[in-house]
Protein backbone atom coordinates (compact mmCIF):
# COMPACT_ATOMS: atom_id res chain seq x y z
CA MET A 1 95.55 124.64 117.28
CA GLN A 2 98.57 124.69 119.59
CA THR A 3 101.53 126.91 118.68
CA ILE A 4 104.73 124.92 118.12
CA SER A 5 108.05 126.70 118.56
CA ASP A 6 111.16 126.15 116.46
CA GLU A 7 112.99 124.97 119.57
CA TYR A 8 110.36 122.32 120.26
CA MET A 9 110.55 121.13 116.66
CA ARG A 10 114.35 120.89 116.77
CA GLU A 11 114.20 118.94 120.04
CA MET A 12 111.54 116.54 118.77
CA LEU A 13 113.34 115.89 115.47
CA THR A 14 116.33 114.55 117.41
CA LYS A 15 114.03 111.80 118.77
CA THR A 16 112.95 110.32 115.45
CA ARG A 17 113.91 106.79 114.36
CA THR A 18 114.02 105.01 111.05
CA TYR A 19 111.17 102.65 110.15
CA SER A 20 110.07 100.98 106.93
CA LEU A 21 106.94 102.01 105.07
CA LEU A 22 105.26 99.24 103.08
CA ILE A 23 102.80 100.00 100.29
CA LEU A 24 100.84 97.05 98.93
CA ARG A 25 99.22 97.19 95.51
CA PRO A 26 96.92 94.72 93.78
CA GLY A 27 98.95 92.20 91.81
CA PRO A 28 98.15 90.56 88.47
CA ARG A 29 96.36 87.65 90.19
CA MET A 30 94.27 89.75 92.61
CA ASN A 31 90.96 88.91 90.91
CA GLU A 32 91.62 85.25 90.17
CA PRO A 33 89.62 82.49 91.88
CA GLY A 34 91.19 81.56 95.21
CA ALA A 35 92.84 84.96 95.75
CA ASP A 36 90.62 85.51 98.80
CA LYS A 37 92.12 82.44 100.50
CA ILE A 38 95.63 83.69 99.77
CA ILE A 39 94.75 87.12 101.20
CA TRP A 40 93.40 85.36 104.32
CA GLU A 41 96.80 83.69 104.82
CA HIS A 42 98.52 87.01 104.16
CA GLY A 43 96.39 88.45 106.97
CA ARG A 44 97.32 85.56 109.27
CA ARG A 45 100.96 86.31 108.59
CA ASN A 46 100.38 89.99 109.39
CA PHE A 47 98.97 88.98 112.78
CA ALA A 48 102.13 86.95 113.41
CA LEU A 49 104.34 89.88 112.39
CA ARG A 50 102.36 92.12 114.76
CA ALA A 51 102.76 89.58 117.57
CA GLU A 52 106.52 89.62 116.96
CA ARG A 53 106.40 93.44 117.13
CA LEU A 54 107.85 93.81 113.64
CA LEU A 55 104.71 95.19 112.00
CA SER A 56 103.69 98.17 114.13
CA ILE A 57 100.81 99.51 112.04
CA VAL A 58 98.82 97.66 109.40
CA CYS A 59 96.07 99.34 107.37
CA PRO A 60 94.19 97.38 104.71
CA VAL A 61 93.00 99.83 102.06
CA GLY A 62 91.28 97.83 99.34
CA ASP A 63 90.74 100.36 96.58
CA ASP A 64 91.76 99.99 92.94
CA THR A 65 95.33 101.22 93.36
CA VAL A 66 96.39 100.51 96.96
CA ALA A 67 95.68 97.29 98.84
CA GLY A 68 97.25 98.36 102.13
CA VAL A 69 100.00 100.15 104.00
CA GLY A 70 102.13 99.14 106.93
CA ILE A 71 104.86 100.51 109.16
CA PHE A 72 107.57 98.05 110.18
CA ASP A 73 109.95 98.49 113.08
CA ALA A 74 112.74 96.93 111.02
CA PRO A 75 115.18 98.03 108.31
CA VAL A 76 114.10 97.98 104.67
CA ASP A 77 116.36 95.04 103.75
CA GLN A 78 114.87 92.88 106.52
CA VAL A 79 111.30 93.82 105.53
CA ASP A 80 112.12 93.08 101.89
CA GLY A 81 113.13 89.57 102.90
CA LEU A 82 109.94 89.16 104.92
CA MET A 83 107.76 90.37 102.07
CA LYS A 84 109.38 88.08 99.52
CA ASP A 85 108.07 85.19 101.66
CA ASP A 86 104.55 86.63 102.01
CA PRO A 87 102.00 84.20 100.49
CA ALA A 88 100.13 86.91 98.58
CA VAL A 89 103.34 88.34 97.14
CA LYS A 90 104.65 84.88 96.20
CA GLU A 91 101.39 84.13 94.35
CA GLY A 92 101.23 87.49 92.53
CA VAL A 93 98.07 88.56 94.38
CA LEU A 94 99.89 91.55 95.88
CA LEU A 95 102.86 93.65 94.82
CA TYR A 96 104.84 95.76 97.27
CA GLU A 97 107.17 98.70 97.52
CA LEU A 98 109.26 99.73 100.50
CA HIS A 99 110.54 103.08 101.67
CA ALA A 100 112.71 104.06 104.63
CA CYS A 101 110.88 106.66 106.69
CA ARG A 102 111.26 108.43 110.02
CA SER A 103 108.80 108.84 112.86
CA PHE A 104 108.59 109.27 116.59
CA PRO A 105 108.86 106.19 118.83
CA GLY A 106 105.58 105.67 120.65
CA ASP A 107 103.40 107.21 117.92
CA SER A 108 100.27 105.15 117.48
CA LEU A 109 96.76 105.26 116.14
CA PRO A 110 94.14 106.49 118.60
CA GLY A 111 92.37 103.68 120.44
């Protein structure tokens, strides 16, 4: 593993930006008939948010406690407004929480 100096860390920390972390959890209607169709439309919306460069990273999880996570390149209040209009949230299929976070511009998942 590469050795990282204190100076390098201090320099890099000045380059961070604020993003919004989204955590999706199964909602009360997750297992109801038709929820799969609502999740499909939620996914379609995620593709649109990605195309608009608002949703930088999206990771469906699908276990019993977490349905997915996402990183938005937008402030928490804007993402909150977007999520209130999400079809799965509106129908109670998904619940969400938001957190301001910091990261490095240009970070990405390996291709």
